[in-house]
Amino acid sequence: MKLLCTALTCLISVSIHSQTTATVGTIIRTNLTDILVDRYSLGTEVIIQNQFSLGLDIDYISRDVFVGSNHPWYLGADTHKQGFILEPQARYYIRETNSEGLYTSISGFFGYAQYSRFDEQSWGVSPPKWIASGFSLHLGHQLSIKRLIIDIYMGATWAKNQGMGIFYEDRALFPQPNGWRISSGLRCGLNIFKSMS
């Protein structure tokens, strides 16, 4: 949790500092599709030039899952999964439209979470941890209505989850935990330094 708090502090600091360095402004955004999988996103996009931007999204994971076991001596349990995902991103806007219009993006991600048993019993071995990394390639369209930002994107994600040893997260494997998959979403946000005129 200390790492998450530090990352959020850095995110806000970069956004405030970028007021003097960005040519268009700074966008503070959230990913609305993350809510469907019990993730809560806060991110920023800093416009470096008319066609280029850099961003960082931080997702907080909080959901109940059943963790199963492949070992007869160490049983699974109902758990609460809690952690975070860091996702840096670079974008190229097809036209010089000041953070609007069609864009391509590449982003990486790193995720980490821990599982807490509801019954508070010992796991008997080291508790399982979720660790994932990968990258995404997206094509999207960002629309600006005064300060309001609406961003729709679609593409592909490659993910690699580190094995949890004898444990596994018992859930529908869509999307699958490893390899390529289709990814899409909807973000909304505010361009906090953009002039209203």
Protein backbone atom coordinates (compact mmCIF):
# COMPACT_ATOMS: atom_id res chain seq x y z
CA MET A 1 0.00 0.00 0.00
CA LYS A 2 2.96 2.35 0.59
CA LEU A 3 3.98 1.89 -3.05
CA LEU A 4 0.44 2.72 -4.19
CA CYS A 5 0.34 5.90 -2.09
CA THR A 6 3.77 6.95 -3.40
CA ALA A 7 2.67 6.35 -6.99
CA LEU A 8 -0.51 8.40 -6.50
CA THR A 9 1.52 11.25 -4.98
CA CYS A 10 3.90 11.19 -7.96
CA LEU A 11 0.95 11.14 -10.36
CA ILE A 12 -0.58 14.26 -8.83
CA SER A 13 2.82 16.02 -8.65
CA VAL A 14 3.55 15.33 -12.33
CA SER A 15 0.11 16.60 -13.30
CA ILE A 16 0.54 19.87 -11.41
CA HIS A 17 4.10 20.38 -12.65
CA SER A 18 3.09 19.73 -16.24
CA GLN A 19 0.91 22.86 -16.28
CA THR A 20 4.03 24.82 -17.11
CA THR A 21 5.54 22.27 -19.53
CA ALA A 22 2.63 20.96 -21.58
CA THR A 23 1.53 22.86 -24.66
CA VAL A 24 -2.12 21.86 -24.36
CA GLY A 25 -2.79 20.73 -20.83
CA THR A 26 -3.02 17.77 -18.52
CA ILE A 27 -5.83 15.24 -18.55
CA ILE A 28 -6.94 13.49 -15.36
CA ARG A 29 -8.93 10.39 -16.27
CA THR A 30 -10.54 7.18 -15.07
CA ASN A 31 -11.27 3.92 -16.88
CA LEU A 32 -14.99 3.21 -16.63
CA THR A 33 -14.68 -0.39 -17.88
CA ASP A 34 -12.38 -1.28 -14.96
CA ILE A 35 -15.32 -0.99 -12.58
CA LEU A 36 -16.84 -4.11 -14.21
CA VAL A 37 -13.96 -6.21 -12.82
CA ASP A 38 -13.71 -4.46 -9.42
CA ARG A 39 -10.78 -2.24 -10.36
CA TYR A 40 -10.71 1.49 -9.74
CA SER A 41 -8.55 3.61 -12.00
CA LEU A 42 -6.94 7.03 -11.72
CA GLY A 43 -4.66 8.28 -14.46
CA THR A 44 -3.14 11.24 -16.18
CA GLU A 45 -2.14 12.15 -19.72
CA VAL A 46 0.39 14.92 -20.32
CA ILE A 47 0.36 16.41 -23.81
CA ILE A 48 4.02 16.87 -24.81
CA GLN A 49 3.32 18.16 -28.33
CA ASN A 50 0.20 18.34 -30.46
CA GLN A 51 0.65 14.74 -31.60
CA PHE A 52 2.45 13.11 -28.65
CA SER A 53 1.50 12.42 -25.06
CA LEU A 54 2.70 10.39 -22.10
CA GLY A 55 0.41 8.92 -19.47
CA LEU A 56 0.25 6.84 -16.34
CA ASP A 57 -2.76 4.93 -15.00
CA ILE A 58 -2.90 3.38 -11.53
CA ASP A 59 -5.56 0.74 -10.89
CA TYR A 60 -6.58 -0.32 -7.40
CA ILE A 61 -7.78 -3.96 -7.30
CA SER A 62 -10.34 -4.99 -4.68
CA ARG A 63 -12.49 -8.08 -5.20
CA ASP A 64 -13.55 -11.36 -3.62
CA VAL A 65 -12.28 -14.54 -5.30
CA PHE A 66 -11.97 -18.21 -4.45
CA VAL A 67 -8.38 -19.47 -4.44
CA GLY A 68 -8.20 -23.20 -5.17
CA SER A 69 -5.35 -25.61 -4.50
CA ASN A 70 -3.76 -28.47 -6.42
CA HIS A 71 -2.43 -30.00 -3.18
CA PRO A 72 -4.56 -32.26 -0.92
CA TRP A 73 -2.93 -30.99 2.30
CA TYR A 74 -3.23 -27.26 1.65
CA LEU A 75 -6.79 -26.35 0.82
CA GLY A 76 -8.03 -23.27 -0.97
CA ALA A 77 -10.32 -20.67 0.54
CA ASP A 78 -12.61 -17.73 -0.11
CA THR A 79 -10.37 -14.68 -0.20
CA HIS A 80 -10.22 -10.96 -0.79
CA LYS A 81 -7.76 -9.94 -3.53
CA GLN A 82 -6.20 -6.51 -3.03
CA GLY A 83 -3.45 -4.85 -5.02
CA PHE A 84 -2.61 -2.47 -7.84
CA ILE A 85 -1.66 -2.20 -11.51
CA LEU A 86 0.72 0.45 -12.89
CA GLU A 87 0.28 1.25 -16.59
CA PRO A 88 2.59 3.78 -18.30
CA GLN A 89 1.48 4.80 -21.79
CA ALA A 90 2.75 6.67 -24.86
CA ARG A 91 0.36 7.98 -27.53
CA TYR A 92 0.66 9.32 -31.05
CA TYR A 93 -2.29 11.30 -32.41
CA ILE A 94 -2.74 10.80 -36.15
CA ARG A 95 -3.45 14.49 -36.75
CA GLU A 96 -2.33 17.59 -34.88
CA THR A 97 -5.56 17.99 -32.96
CA ASN A 98 -4.41 18.88 -29.42
CA SER A 99 -5.19 15.54 -27.74
CA GLU A 100 -8.30 14.90 -29.82
CA GLY A 101 -9.13 12.47 -32.58
CA LEU A 102 -7.69 9.17 -33.71
CA TYR A 103 -4.56 7.88 -31.96
CA THR A 104 -2.35 4.82 -31.57
CA SER A 105 -0.84 3.89 -28.22
CA ILE A 106 1.54 1.47 -26.60
CA SER A 107 1.44 0.80 -22.88
CA GLY A 108 3.09 -1.54 -20.44
CA PHE A 109 1.68 -2.79 -17.17
CA PHE A 110 2.79 -4.36 -13.93
CA GLY A 111 0.32 -5.80 -11.43
CA TYR A 112 0.71 -7.07 -7.87
CA ALA A 113 -1.91 -8.32 -5.39
CA GLN A 114 -2.21 -10.33 -2.18
CA TYR A 115 -4.99 -12.67 -1.07
CA SER A 116 -6.48 -12.52 2.44
CA ARG A 117 -8.53 -15.48 3.65
CA PHE A 118 -11.97 -14.70 5.06
CA ASP A 119 -11.65 -17.50 7.63
CA GLU A 120 -8.32 -16.02 8.86
CA GLN A 121 -6.73 -19.47 9.02
CA SER A 122 -3.13 -20.05 8.01
CA TRP A 123 -2.39 -21.08 4.45
CA GLY A 124 0.05 -23.69 5.79
CA VAL A 125 2.61 -22.51 3.23
CA SER A 126 3.59 -19.12 1.82
CA PRO A 127 0.41 -17.21 0.92
CA PRO A 128 -0.22 -16.90 -2.83
CA LYS A 129 0.53 -13.62 -4.58
CA TRP A 130 -0.64 -12.39 -7.97
CA ILE A 131 2.09 -10.87 -10.14
CA ALA A 132 1.46 -9.96 -13.77
CA SER A 133 3.19 -7.96 -16.50
CA GLY A 134 2.72 -7.27 -20.18
CA PHE A 135 1.93 -4.62 -22.76
CA SER A 136 -0.94 -3.36 -24.93
CA LEU A 137 -1.26 -1.94 -28.44
CA HIS A 138 -4.40 0.14 -29.01
CA LEU A 139 -6.15 2.24 -31.60
CA GLY A 140 -8.50 4.79 -30.09
CA HIS A 141 -10.46 7.97 -30.54
CA GLN A 142 -10.47 10.77 -27.97
CA LEU A 143 -13.22 13.40 -28.01
CA SER A 144 -13.07 16.69 -26.14
CA ILE A 145 -16.18 18.63 -25.14
CA LYS A 146 -14.79 21.77 -23.52
CA ARG A 147 -12.89 20.22 -20.57
CA LEU A 148 -14.65 16.85 -20.67
CA ILE A 149 -12.68 14.02 -22.31
CA ILE A 150 -14.24 10.82 -23.69
CA ASP A 151 -11.81 8.14 -24.89
CA ILE A 152 -12.78 4.87 -26.63
CA TYR A 153 -10.07 2.34 -27.52
CA MET A 154 -9.61 -1.21 -28.82
CA GLY A 155 -6.62 -3.42 -29.54
CA ALA A 156 -4.61 -6.32 -28.22
CA THR A 157 -2.87 -7.10 -24.92
CA TRP A 158 -0.12 -9.59 -24.20
CA ALA A 159 -0.02 -10.72 -20.56
CA LYS A 160 2.15 -13.00 -18.47
CA ASN A 161 1.06 -14.04 -14.98
CA GLN A 162 3.61 -15.48 -12.58
CA GLY A 163 2.55 -18.89 -11.30
CA MET A 164 0.99 -19.04 -7.82
CA GLY A 165 2.60 -22.37 -6.98
CA ILE A 166 0.06 -24.93 -5.80
CA PHE A 167 -2.70 -22.28 -5.75
CA TYR A 168 -4.80 -20.84 -8.55
CA GLU A 169 -7.49 -18.21 -8.82
CA ASP A 170 -10.76 -20.01 -9.52
CA ARG A 171 -12.50 -17.82 -12.07
CA ALA A 172 -13.67 -17.86 -15.64
CA LEU A 173 -10.50 -17.78 -17.72
CA PHE A 174 -11.68 -15.01 -20.02
CA PRO A 175 -9.59 -13.17 -20.65
CA GLN A 176 -7.00 -15.91 -20.28
CA PRO A 177 -4.19 -15.06 -17.82
CA ASN A 178 -1.35 -15.56 -20.31
CA GLY A 179 -0.77 -14.74 -23.96
CA TRP A 180 -2.60 -12.47 -26.40
CA ARG A 181 -6.15 -11.25 -25.98
CA ILE A 182 -8.45 -8.55 -27.31
CA SER A 183 -8.74 -5.51 -25.07
CA SER A 184 -10.98 -2.46 -25.24
CA GLY A 185 -12.43 0.14 -22.96
CA LEU A 186 -13.92 3.52 -22.24
CA ARG A 187 -12.19 6.29 -20.32
CA CYS A 188 -13.49 9.68 -19.29
CA GLY A 189 -11.72 12.59 -17.71
CA LEU A 190 -11.06 16.31 -17.52
CA ASN A 191 -8.46 18.49 -19.18
CA ILE A 192 -7.76 20.43 -16.01
CA PHE A 193 -5.62 23.22 -17.48
CA LYS A 194 -7.33 23.70 -20.83
CA SER A 195 -8.84 27.08 -21.49
CA MET A 196 -12.64 27.10 -21.67
CA SER A 197 -12.59 29.59 -24.54
